[in-house]
Amino acid sequence: MAQINWTKQALGDLEAIGDYIARDSPAIAQVFVNRIINSIVQLETFPLSGRIVPESGRESIREIIFRNYRIVYSLENDTIYILTIFHASKSLTNLTDDIN
């Protein structure tokens, strides 16, 4: 079973998503954030379930999709690093520069 570690970037992204949704409904925001977390927790059992990030092309940089959000992670041995979470309409350019 893989271990999940969150980067500061990913934690900030998750908080920002929750804050944005909470402007309309704090209750829905909490449910949505919990569902994102639950989708990430599944990576502990199935770390290769995400696809390779097309912008990276590296086998170790993968992503899962939750609704319209891309959850990008790196896989190193038995450790998963959650790198960022962002809306699919946005560009991954900044992250790609950091991981290449």
PDB file of N, CA and C in Angstrom:
ATOM      1  N   MET A   1       0.850  -1.183   0.000  1.00  0.00           N
ATOM      2  CA  MET A   1       0.000   0.000   0.000  1.00  0.00           C
ATOM      3  C   MET A   1       0.891   1.240   0.000  1.00  0.00           C
ATOM      4  N   ALA A   2       0.580   2.169  -0.888  1.00  0.00           N
ATOM      5  CA  ALA A   2       1.368   3.389  -1.015  1.00  0.00           C
ATOM      6  C   ALA A   2       0.981   4.397   0.071  1.00  0.00           C
ATOM      7  N   GLN A   3       1.925   5.265   0.378  1.00  0.00           N
ATOM      8  CA  GLN A   3       1.687   6.334   1.346  1.00  0.00           C
ATOM      9  C   GLN A   3       1.482   7.638   0.582  1.00  0.00           C
ATOM     10  N   ILE A   4       0.526   8.436   1.010  1.00  0.00           N
ATOM     11  CA  ILE A   4       0.225   9.707   0.349  1.00  0.00           C
ATOM     12  C   ILE A   4       0.813  10.858   1.148  1.00  0.00           C
ATOM     13  N   ASN A   5       1.540  11.733   0.450  1.00  0.00           N
ATOM     14  CA  ASN A   5       2.066  12.962   1.027  1.00  0.00           C
ATOM     15  C   ASN A   5       1.549  14.131   0.194  1.00  0.00           C
ATOM     16  N   TRP A   6       1.107  15.162   0.871  1.00  0.00           N
ATOM     17  CA  TRP A   6       0.582  16.347   0.203  1.00  0.00           C
ATOM     18  C   TRP A   6       1.652  17.432   0.156  1.00  0.00           C
ATOM     19  N   THR A   7       1.814  18.083  -0.981  1.00  0.00           N
ATOM     20  CA  THR A   7       2.686  19.250  -1.059  1.00  0.00           C
ATOM     21  C   THR A   7       1.911  20.464  -0.548  1.00  0.00           C
ATOM     22  N   LYS A   8       2.640  21.510  -0.193  1.00  0.00           N
ATOM     23  CA  LYS A   8       1.983  22.754   0.230  1.00  0.00           C
ATOM     24  C   LYS A   8       1.099  23.296  -0.888  1.00  0.00           C
ATOM     25  N   GLN A   9       1.586  23.174  -2.111  1.00  0.00           N
ATOM     26  CA  GLN A   9       0.813  23.635  -3.268  1.00  0.00           C
ATOM     27  C   GLN A   9      -0.543  22.940  -3.324  1.00  0.00           C
ATOM     28  N   ALA A  10      -0.548  21.622  -3.205  1.00  0.00           N
ATOM     29  CA  ALA A  10      -1.797  20.854  -3.303  1.00  0.00           C
ATOM     30  C   ALA A  10      -2.745  21.186  -2.154  1.00  0.00           C
ATOM     31  N   LEU A  11      -2.210  21.330  -0.952  1.00  0.00           N
ATOM     32  CA  LEU A  11      -3.060  21.697   0.185  1.00  0.00           C
ATOM     33  C   LEU A  11      -3.681  23.074  -0.025  1.00  0.00           C
ATOM     34  N   GLY A  12      -2.880  24.003  -0.538  1.00  0.00           N
ATOM     35  CA  GLY A  12      -3.400  25.336  -0.841  1.00  0.00           C
ATOM     36  C   GLY A  12      -4.462  25.304  -1.927  1.00  0.00           C
ATOM     37  N   ASP A  13      -4.229  24.467  -2.937  1.00  0.00           N
ATOM     38  CA  ASP A  13      -5.218  24.318  -4.009  1.00  0.00           C
ATOM     39  C   ASP A  13      -6.540  23.799  -3.459  1.00  0.00           C
ATOM     40  N   LEU A  14      -6.463  22.777  -2.619  1.00  0.00           N
ATOM     41  CA  LEU A  14      -7.674  22.189  -2.045  1.00  0.00           C
ATOM     42  C   LEU A  14      -8.427  23.214  -1.198  1.00  0.00           C
ATOM     43  N   GLU A  15      -7.696  23.975  -0.420  1.00  0.00           N
ATOM     44  CA  GLU A  15      -8.317  25.013   0.407  1.00  0.00           C
ATOM     45  C   GLU A  15      -8.981  26.077  -0.468  1.00  0.00           C
ATOM     46  N   ALA A  16      -8.307  26.481  -1.538  1.00  0.00           N
ATOM     47  CA  ALA A  16      -8.863  27.499  -2.435  1.00  0.00           C
ATOM     48  C   ALA A  16     -10.136  27.003  -3.123  1.00  0.00           C
ATOM     49  N   ILE A  17     -10.146  25.737  -3.520  1.00  0.00           N
ATOM     50  CA  ILE A  17     -11.344  25.156  -4.132  1.00  0.00           C
ATOM     51  C   ILE A  17     -12.500  25.186  -3.133  1.00  0.00           C
ATOM     52  N   GLY A  18     -12.223  24.764  -1.909  1.00  0.00           N
ATOM     53  CA  GLY A  18     -13.249  24.777  -0.870  1.00  0.00           C
ATOM     54  C   GLY A  18     -13.760  26.176  -0.587  1.00  0.00           C
ATOM     55  N   ASP A  19     -12.846  27.136  -0.505  1.00  0.00           N
ATOM     56  CA  ASP A  19     -13.245  28.524  -0.240  1.00  0.00           C
ATOM     57  C   ASP A  19     -14.117  29.078  -1.362  1.00  0.00           C
ATOM     58  N   TYR A  20     -13.760  28.759  -2.588  1.00  0.00           N
ATOM     59  CA  TYR A  20     -14.526  29.252  -3.739  1.00  0.00           C
ATOM     60  C   TYR A  20     -15.956  28.710  -3.715  1.00  0.00           C
ATOM     61  N   ILE A  21     -16.093  27.415  -3.503  1.00  0.00           N
ATOM     62  CA  ILE A  21     -17.424  26.803  -3.477  1.00  0.00           C
ATOM     63  C   ILE A  21     -18.213  27.282  -2.256  1.00  0.00           C
ATOM     64  N   ALA A  22     -17.516  27.514  -1.145  1.00  0.00           N
ATOM     65  CA  ALA A  22     -18.173  27.930   0.102  1.00  0.00           C
ATOM     66  C   ALA A  22     -18.825  29.303  -0.013  1.00  0.00           C
ATOM     67  N   ARG A  23     -18.411  30.098  -0.983  1.00  0.00           N
ATOM     68  CA  ARG A  23     -19.063  31.399  -1.171  1.00  0.00           C
ATOM     69  C   ARG A  23     -20.550  31.224  -1.460  1.00  0.00           C
ATOM     70  N   ASP A  24     -20.886  30.119  -2.121  1.00  0.00           N
ATOM     71  CA  ASP A  24     -22.293  29.829  -2.411  1.00  0.00           C
ATOM     72  C   ASP A  24     -22.909  28.908  -1.370  1.00  0.00           C
ATOM     73  N   SER A  25     -22.124  27.915  -0.920  1.00  0.00           N
ATOM     74  CA  SER A  25     -22.668  26.951   0.040  1.00  0.00           C
ATOM     75  C   SER A  25     -21.544  26.260   0.812  1.00  0.00           C
ATOM     76  N   PRO A  26     -21.352  26.632   2.066  1.00  0.00           N
ATOM     77  CA  PRO A  26     -20.329  25.969   2.875  1.00  0.00           C
ATOM     78  C   PRO A  26     -20.546  24.458   2.994  1.00  0.00           C
ATOM     79  N   ALA A  27     -21.782  24.034   3.074  1.00  0.00           N
ATOM     80  CA  ALA A  27     -22.061  22.597   3.210  1.00  0.00           C
ATOM     81  C   ALA A  27     -21.652  21.834   1.953  1.00  0.00           C
ATOM     82  N   ILE A  28     -21.994  22.373   0.798  1.00  0.00           N
ATOM     83  CA  ILE A  28     -21.609  21.719  -0.457  1.00  0.00           C
ATOM     84  C   ILE A  28     -20.094  21.742  -0.618  1.00  0.00           C
ATOM     85  N   ALA A  29     -19.459  22.817  -0.192  1.00  0.00           N
ATOM     86  CA  ALA A  29     -18.000  22.902  -0.276  1.00  0.00           C
ATOM     87  C   ALA A  29     -17.347  21.787   0.530  1.00  0.00           C
ATOM     88  N   GLN A  30     -17.838  21.542   1.725  1.00  0.00           N
ATOM     89  CA  GLN A  30     -17.269  20.491   2.571  1.00  0.00           C
ATOM     90  C   GLN A  30     -17.442  19.120   1.930  1.00  0.00           C
ATOM     91  N   VAL A  31     -18.612  18.865   1.379  1.00  0.00           N
ATOM     92  CA  VAL A  31     -18.868  17.583   0.707  1.00  0.00           C
ATOM     93  C   VAL A  31     -17.936  17.427  -0.495  1.00  0.00           C
ATOM     94  N   PHE A  32     -17.792  18.489  -1.275  1.00  0.00           N
ATOM     95  CA  PHE A  32     -16.957  18.439  -2.475  1.00  0.00           C
ATOM     96  C   PHE A  32     -15.498  18.170  -2.119  1.00  0.00           C
ATOM     97  N   VAL A  33     -14.984  18.892  -1.134  1.00  0.00           N
ATOM     98  CA  VAL A  33     -13.597  18.691  -0.694  1.00  0.00           C
ATOM     99  C   VAL A  33     -13.409  17.268  -0.175  1.00  0.00           C
ATOM    100  N   ASN A  34     -14.361  16.770   0.592  1.00  0.00           N
ATOM    101  CA  ASN A  34     -14.264  15.389   1.092  1.00  0.00           C
ATOM    102  C   ASN A  34     -14.234  14.379  -0.050  1.00  0.00           C
ATOM    103  N   ARG A  35     -14.985  14.637  -1.097  1.00  0.00           N
ATOM    104  CA  ARG A  35     -14.989  13.722  -2.239  1.00  0.00           C
ATOM    105  C   ARG A  35     -13.660  13.757  -2.987  1.00  0.00           C
ATOM    106  N   ILE A  36     -13.059  14.931  -3.077  1.00  0.00           N
ATOM    107  CA  ILE A  36     -11.722  15.015  -3.681  1.00  0.00           C
ATOM    108  C   ILE A  36     -10.749  14.182  -2.854  1.00  0.00           C
ATOM    109  N   ILE A  37     -10.786  14.372  -1.541  1.00  0.00           N
ATOM    110  CA  ILE A  37      -9.887  13.626  -0.653  1.00  0.00           C
ATOM    111  C   ILE A  37     -10.123  12.127  -0.790  1.00  0.00           C
ATOM    112  N   ASN A  38     -11.372  11.707  -0.840  1.00  0.00           N
ATOM    113  CA  ASN A  38     -11.674  10.276  -0.987  1.00  0.00           C
ATOM    114  C   ASN A  38     -11.132   9.713  -2.292  1.00  0.00           C
ATOM    115  N   SER A  39     -11.193  10.490  -3.363  1.00  0.00           N
ATOM    116  CA  SER A  39     -10.648  10.001  -4.631  1.00  0.00           C
ATOM    117  C   SER A  39      -9.131   9.867  -4.558  1.00  0.00           C
ATOM    118  N   ILE A  40      -8.496  10.731  -3.793  1.00  0.00           N
ATOM    119  CA  ILE A  40      -7.043  10.657  -3.618  1.00  0.00           C
ATOM    120  C   ILE A  40      -6.666   9.471  -2.742  1.00  0.00           C
ATOM    121  N   VAL A  41      -7.423   9.225  -1.693  1.00  0.00           N
ATOM    122  CA  VAL A  41      -7.139   8.105  -0.787  1.00  0.00           C
ATOM    123  C   VAL A  41      -7.144   6.772  -1.539  1.00  0.00           C
ATOM    124  N   GLN A  42      -7.955   6.664  -2.565  1.00  0.00           N
ATOM    125  CA  GLN A  42      -7.991   5.425  -3.353  1.00  0.00           C
ATOM    126  C   GLN A  42      -6.650   5.124  -4.016  1.00  0.00           C
ATOM    127  N   LEU A  43      -5.823   6.149  -4.187  1.00  0.00           N
ATOM    128  CA  LEU A  43      -4.499   5.945  -4.779  1.00  0.00           C
ATOM    129  C   LEU A  43      -3.598   5.091  -3.888  1.00  0.00           C
ATOM    130  N   GLU A  44      -3.873   5.067  -2.586  1.00  0.00           N
ATOM    131  CA  GLU A  44      -3.081   4.218  -1.688  1.00  0.00           C
ATOM    132  C   GLU A  44      -3.116   2.770  -2.154  1.00  0.00           C
ATOM    133  N   THR A  45      -4.258   2.329  -2.599  1.00  0.00           N
ATOM    134  CA  THR A  45      -4.432   0.950  -3.045  1.00  0.00           C
ATOM    135  C   THR A  45      -4.110   0.786  -4.525  1.00  0.00           C
ATOM    136  N   PHE A  46      -4.419   1.802  -5.321  1.00  0.00           N
ATOM    137  CA  PHE A  46      -4.236   1.722  -6.773  1.00  0.00           C
ATOM    138  C   PHE A  46      -3.406   2.903  -7.279  1.00  0.00           C
ATOM    139  N   PRO A  47      -2.121   2.970  -6.935  1.00  0.00           N
ATOM    140  CA  PRO A  47      -1.309   4.138  -7.290  1.00  0.00           C
ATOM    141  C   PRO A  47      -1.115   4.340  -8.795  1.00  0.00           C
ATOM    142  N   LEU A  48      -1.254   3.291  -9.572  1.00  0.00           N
ATOM    143  CA  LEU A  48      -1.083   3.421 -11.018  1.00  0.00           C
ATOM    144  C   LEU A  48      -2.403   3.656 -11.746  1.00  0.00           C
ATOM    145  N   SER A  49      -3.469   3.907 -10.996  1.00  0.00           N
ATOM    146  CA  SER A  49      -4.779   4.080 -11.625  1.00  0.00           C
ATOM    147  C   SER A  49      -4.880   5.373 -12.423  1.00  0.00           C
ATOM    148  N   GLY A  50      -4.071   6.359 -12.089  1.00  0.00           N
ATOM    149  CA  GLY A  50      -4.096   7.609 -12.844  1.00  0.00           C
ATOM    150  C   GLY A  50      -3.348   7.478 -14.155  1.00  0.00           C
ATOM    151  N   ARG A  51      -3.722   8.328 -15.101  1.00  0.00           N
ATOM    152  CA  ARG A  51      -3.027   8.314 -16.388  1.00  0.00           C
ATOM    153  C   ARG A  51      -1.769   9.170 -16.310  1.00  0.00           C
ATOM    154  N   ILE A  52      -0.849   8.920 -17.205  1.00  0.00           N
ATOM    155  CA  ILE A  52       0.343   9.754 -17.309  1.00  0.00           C
ATOM    156  C   ILE A  52      -0.099  11.141 -17.767  1.00  0.00           C
ATOM    157  N   VAL A  53       0.428  12.175 -17.131  1.00  0.00           N
ATOM    158  CA  VAL A  53       0.069  13.545 -17.490  1.00  0.00           C
ATOM    159  C   VAL A  53       0.625  13.839 -18.887  1.00  0.00           C
ATOM    160  N   PRO A  54      -0.234  14.145 -19.849  1.00  0.00           N
ATOM    161  CA  PRO A  54       0.225  14.355 -21.226  1.00  0.00           C
ATOM    162  C   PRO A  54       1.278  15.456 -21.357  1.00  0.00           C
ATOM    163  N   GLU A  55       1.140  16.527 -20.584  1.00  0.00           N
ATOM    164  CA  GLU A  55       2.088  17.642 -20.673  1.00  0.00           C
ATOM    165  C   GLU A  55       3.473  17.256 -20.189  1.00  0.00           C
ATOM    166  N   SER A  56       3.557  16.243 -19.352  1.00  0.00           N
ATOM    167  CA  SER A  56       4.836  15.812 -18.795  1.00  0.00           C
ATOM    168  C   SER A  56       5.442  14.678 -19.614  1.00  0.00           C
ATOM    169  N   GLY A  57       4.631  13.680 -19.910  1.00  0.00           N
ATOM    170  CA  GLY A  57       5.130  12.515 -20.624  1.00  0.00           C
ATOM    171  C   GLY A  57       5.957  11.578 -19.763  1.00  0.00           C
ATOM    172  N   ARG A  58       6.088  11.889 -18.488  1.00  0.00           N
ATOM    173  CA  ARG A  58       6.879  11.050 -17.581  1.00  0.00           C
ATOM    174  C   ARG A  58       5.976  10.041 -16.895  1.00  0.00           C
ATOM    175  N   GLU A  59       6.421   8.801 -16.853  1.00  0.00           N
ATOM    176  CA  GLU A  59       5.634   7.726 -16.244  1.00  0.00           C
ATOM    177  C   GLU A  59       5.338   8.001 -14.772  1.00  0.00           C
ATOM    178  N   SER A  60       6.221   8.702 -14.091  1.00  0.00           N
ATOM    179  CA  SER A  60       6.051   8.935 -12.654  1.00  0.00           C
ATOM    180  C   SER A  60       5.111  10.101 -12.336  1.00  0.00           C
ATOM    181  N   ILE A  61       4.745  10.899 -13.329  1.00  0.00           N
ATOM    182  CA  ILE A  61       3.833  12.023 -13.114  1.00  0.00           C
ATOM    183  C   ILE A  61       2.477  11.634 -13.690  1.00  0.00           C
ATOM    184  N   ARG A  62       1.496  11.493 -12.810  1.00  0.00           N
ATOM    185  CA  ARG A  62       0.187  10.975 -13.192  1.00  0.00           C
ATOM    186  C   ARG A  62      -0.915  11.898 -12.691  1.00  0.00           C
ATOM    187  N   GLU A  63      -2.119  11.611 -13.138  1.00  0.00           N
ATOM    188  CA  GLU A  63      -3.256  12.404 -12.682  1.00  0.00           C
ATOM    189  C   GLU A  63      -4.513  11.557 -12.654  1.00  0.00           C
ATOM    190  N   ILE A  64      -5.376  11.944 -11.740  1.00  0.00           N
ATOM    191  CA  ILE A  64      -6.734  11.424 -11.737  1.00  0.00           C
ATOM    192  C   ILE A  64      -7.650  12.630 -11.928  1.00  0.00           C
ATOM    193  N   ILE A  65      -8.818  12.363 -12.450  1.00  0.00           N
ATOM    194  CA  ILE A  65      -9.783  13.431 -12.694  1.00  0.00           C
ATOM    195  C   ILE A  65     -10.948  13.252 -11.726  1.00  0.00           C
ATOM    196  N   PHE A  66     -11.291  14.339 -11.057  1.00  0.00           N
ATOM    197  CA  PHE A  66     -12.494  14.350 -10.227  1.00  0.00           C
ATOM    198  C   PHE A  66     -13.356  15.509 -10.705  1.00  0.00           C
ATOM    199  N   ARG A  67     -14.505  15.170 -11.238  1.00  0.00           N
ATOM    200  CA  ARG A  67     -15.387  16.159 -11.866  1.00  0.00           C
ATOM    201  C   ARG A  67     -14.561  16.924 -12.893  1.00  0.00           C
ATOM    202  N   ASN A  68     -14.437  18.239 -12.745  1.00  0.00           N
ATOM    203  CA  ASN A  68     -13.648  19.032 -13.694  1.00  0.00           C
ATOM    204  C   ASN A  68     -12.280  19.403 -13.138  1.00  0.00           C
ATOM    205  N   TYR A  69     -11.799  18.658 -12.168  1.00  0.00           N
ATOM    206  CA  TYR A  69     -10.515  18.960 -11.544  1.00  0.00           C
ATOM    207  C   TYR A  69      -9.488  17.883 -11.857  1.00  0.00           C
ATOM    208  N   ARG A  70      -8.293  18.341 -12.163  1.00  0.00           N
ATOM    209  CA  ARG A  70      -7.170  17.438 -12.396  1.00  0.00           C
ATOM    210  C   ARG A  70      -6.357  17.377 -11.102  1.00  0.00           C
ATOM    211  N   ILE A  71      -6.131  16.185 -10.623  1.00  0.00           N
ATOM    212  CA  ILE A  71      -5.336  15.965  -9.413  1.00  0.00           C
ATOM    213  C   ILE A  71      -4.036  15.322  -9.878  1.00  0.00           C
ATOM    214  N   VAL A  72      -2.967  16.097  -9.847  1.00  0.00           N
ATOM    215  CA  VAL A  72      -1.682  15.652 -10.376  1.00  0.00           C
ATOM    216  C   VAL A  72      -0.813  15.164  -9.228  1.00  0.00           C
ATOM    217  N   TYR A  73      -0.207  13.999  -9.433  1.00  0.00           N
ATOM    218  CA  TYR A  73       0.644  13.424  -8.394  1.00  0.00           C
ATOM    219  C   TYR A  73       1.868  12.774  -9.011  1.00  0.00           C
ATOM    220  N   SER A  74       2.894  12.639  -8.195  1.00  0.00           N
ATOM    221  CA  SER A  74       4.071  11.889  -8.633  1.00  0.00           C
ATOM    222  C   SER A  74       4.139  10.614  -7.805  1.00  0.00           C
ATOM    223  N   LEU A  75       4.660   9.599  -8.431  1.00  0.00           N
ATOM    224  CA  LEU A  75       4.778   8.296  -7.788  1.00  0.00           C
ATOM    225  C   LEU A  75       6.252   7.937  -7.725  1.00  0.00           C
ATOM    226  N   GLU A  76       6.756   7.798  -6.504  1.00  0.00           N
ATOM    227  CA  GLU A  76       8.157   7.442  -6.286  1.00  0.00           C
ATOM    228  C   GLU A  76       8.196   6.270  -5.321  1.00  0.00           C
ATOM    229  N   ASN A  77       8.530   5.105  -5.862  1.00  0.00           N
ATOM    230  CA  ASN A  77       8.509   3.859  -5.098  1.00  0.00           C
ATOM    231  C   ASN A  77       7.115   3.661  -4.506  1.00  0.00           C
ATOM    232  N   ASP A  78       6.999   3.621  -3.201  1.00  0.00           N
ATOM    233  CA  ASP A  78       5.695   3.432  -2.560  1.00  0.00           C
ATOM    234  C   ASP A  78       5.146   4.725  -1.971  1.00  0.00           C
ATOM    235  N   THR A  79       5.594   5.853  -2.498  1.00  0.00           N
ATOM    236  CA  THR A  79       5.132   7.145  -1.997  1.00  0.00           C
ATOM    237  C   THR A  79       4.475   7.936  -3.121  1.00  0.00           C
ATOM    238  N   ILE A  80       3.309   8.477  -2.822  1.00  0.00           N
ATOM    239  CA  ILE A  80       2.564   9.323  -3.748  1.00  0.00           C
ATOM    240  C   ILE A  80       2.638  10.748  -3.213  1.00  0.00           C
ATOM    241  N   TYR A  81       3.086  11.670  -4.061  1.00  0.00           N
ATOM    242  CA  TYR A  81       3.125  13.081  -3.704  1.00  0.00           C
ATOM    243  C   TYR A  81       2.029  13.794  -4.488  1.00  0.00           C
ATOM    244  N   ILE A  82       1.047  14.326  -3.785  1.00  0.00           N
ATOM    245  CA  ILE A  82      -0.004  15.094  -4.441  1.00  0.00           C
ATOM    246  C   ILE A  82       0.599  16.465  -4.749  1.00  0.00           C
ATOM    247  N   LEU A  83       0.734  16.777  -6.038  1.00  0.00           N
ATOM    248  CA  LEU A  83       1.445  17.980  -6.457  1.00  0.00           C
ATOM    249  C   LEU A  83       0.547  19.202  -6.590  1.00  0.00           C
ATOM    250  N   THR A  84      -0.603  19.023  -7.212  1.00  0.00           N
ATOM    251  CA  THR A  84      -1.501  20.153  -7.432  1.00  0.00           C
ATOM    252  C   THR A  84      -2.893  19.647  -7.779  1.00  0.00           C
ATOM    253  N   ILE A  85      -3.870  20.489  -7.553  1.00  0.00           N
ATOM    254  CA  ILE A  85      -5.258  20.218  -7.925  1.00  0.00           C
ATOM    255  C   ILE A  85      -5.761  21.488  -8.595  1.00  0.00           C
ATOM    256  N   PHE A  86      -6.249  21.363  -9.818  1.00  0.00           N
ATOM    257  CA  PHE A  86      -6.695  22.561 -10.511  1.00  0.00           C
ATOM    258  C   PHE A  86      -7.808  22.233 -11.492  1.00  0.00           C
ATOM    259  N   HIS A  87      -8.572  23.263 -11.845  1.00  0.00           N
ATOM    260  CA  HIS A  87      -9.682  23.097 -12.776  1.00  0.00           C
ATOM    261  C   HIS A  87      -9.125  22.756 -14.155  1.00  0.00           C
ATOM    262  N   ALA A  88      -9.772  21.839 -14.821  1.00  0.00           N
ATOM    263  CA  ALA A  88      -9.288  21.346 -16.113  1.00  0.00           C
ATOM    264  C   ALA A  88      -9.244  22.431 -17.185  1.00  0.00           C
ATOM    265  N   SER A  89      -9.942  23.531 -16.983  1.00  0.00           N
ATOM    266  CA  SER A  89      -9.915  24.612 -17.966  1.00  0.00           C
ATOM    267  C   SER A  89      -8.634  25.437 -17.883  1.00  0.00           C
ATOM    268  N   LYS A  90      -7.847  25.230 -16.840  1.00  0.00           N
ATOM    269  CA  LYS A  90      -6.606  25.986 -16.656  1.00  0.00           C
ATOM    270  C   LYS A  90      -5.419  25.208 -17.200  1.00  0.00           C
ATOM    271  N   SER A  91      -4.323  25.917 -17.404  1.00  0.00           N
ATOM    272  CA  SER A  91      -3.113  25.331 -17.975  1.00  0.00           C
ATOM    273  C   SER A  91      -2.230  24.717 -16.894  1.00  0.00           C
ATOM    274  N   LEU A  92      -1.524  23.688 -17.279  1.00  0.00           N
ATOM    275  CA  LEU A  92      -0.584  23.024 -16.371  1.00  0.00           C
ATOM    276  C   LEU A  92       0.833  23.548 -16.578  1.00  0.00           C
ATOM    277  N   THR A  93       1.018  24.590 -17.347  1.00  0.00           N
ATOM    278  CA  THR A  93       2.332  25.077 -17.738  1.00  0.00           C
ATOM    279  C   THR A  93       3.264  25.304 -16.555  1.00  0.00           C
ATOM    280  N   ASN A  94       2.801  25.982 -15.519  1.00  0.00           N
ATOM    281  CA  ASN A  94       3.675  26.285 -14.380  1.00  0.00           C
ATOM    282  C   ASN A  94       4.160  25.025 -13.693  1.00  0.00           C
ATOM    283  N   LEU A  95       3.291  24.064 -13.495  1.00  0.00           N
ATOM    284  CA  LEU A  95       3.692  22.816 -12.856  1.00  0.00           C
ATOM    285  C   LEU A  95       4.654  22.052 -13.745  1.00  0.00           C
ATOM    286  N   THR A  96       4.400  22.040 -15.041  1.00  0.00           N
ATOM    287  CA  THR A  96       5.262  21.315 -15.965  1.00  0.00           C
ATOM    288  C   THR A  96       6.685  21.841 -15.874  1.00  0.00           C
ATOM    289  N   ASP A  97       6.847  23.154 -15.736  1.00  0.00           N
ATOM    290  CA  ASP A  97       8.182  23.728 -15.578  1.00  0.00           C
ATOM    291  C   ASP A  97       8.852  23.219 -14.312  1.00  0.00           C
ATOM    292  N   ASP A  98       8.087  23.056 -13.244  1.00  0.00           N
ATOM    293  CA  ASP A  98       8.641  22.617 -11.965  1.00  0.00           C
ATOM    294  C   ASP A  98       9.029  21.143 -11.959  1.00  0.00           C
ATOM    295  N   ILE A  99       8.299  20.304 -12.686  1.00  0.00           N
ATOM    296  CA  ILE A  99       8.538  18.869 -12.589  1.00  0.00           C
ATOM    297  C   ILE A  99       9.490  18.341 -13.645  1.00  0.00           C
ATOM    298  N   ASN A 100       9.775  19.118 -14.667  1.00  0.00           N
ATOM    299  CA  ASN A 100      10.699  18.657 -15.715  1.00  0.00           C
ATOM    300  C   ASN A 100      12.117  19.067 -15.439  1.00  0.00           C
TER     301      ASN A 100
END
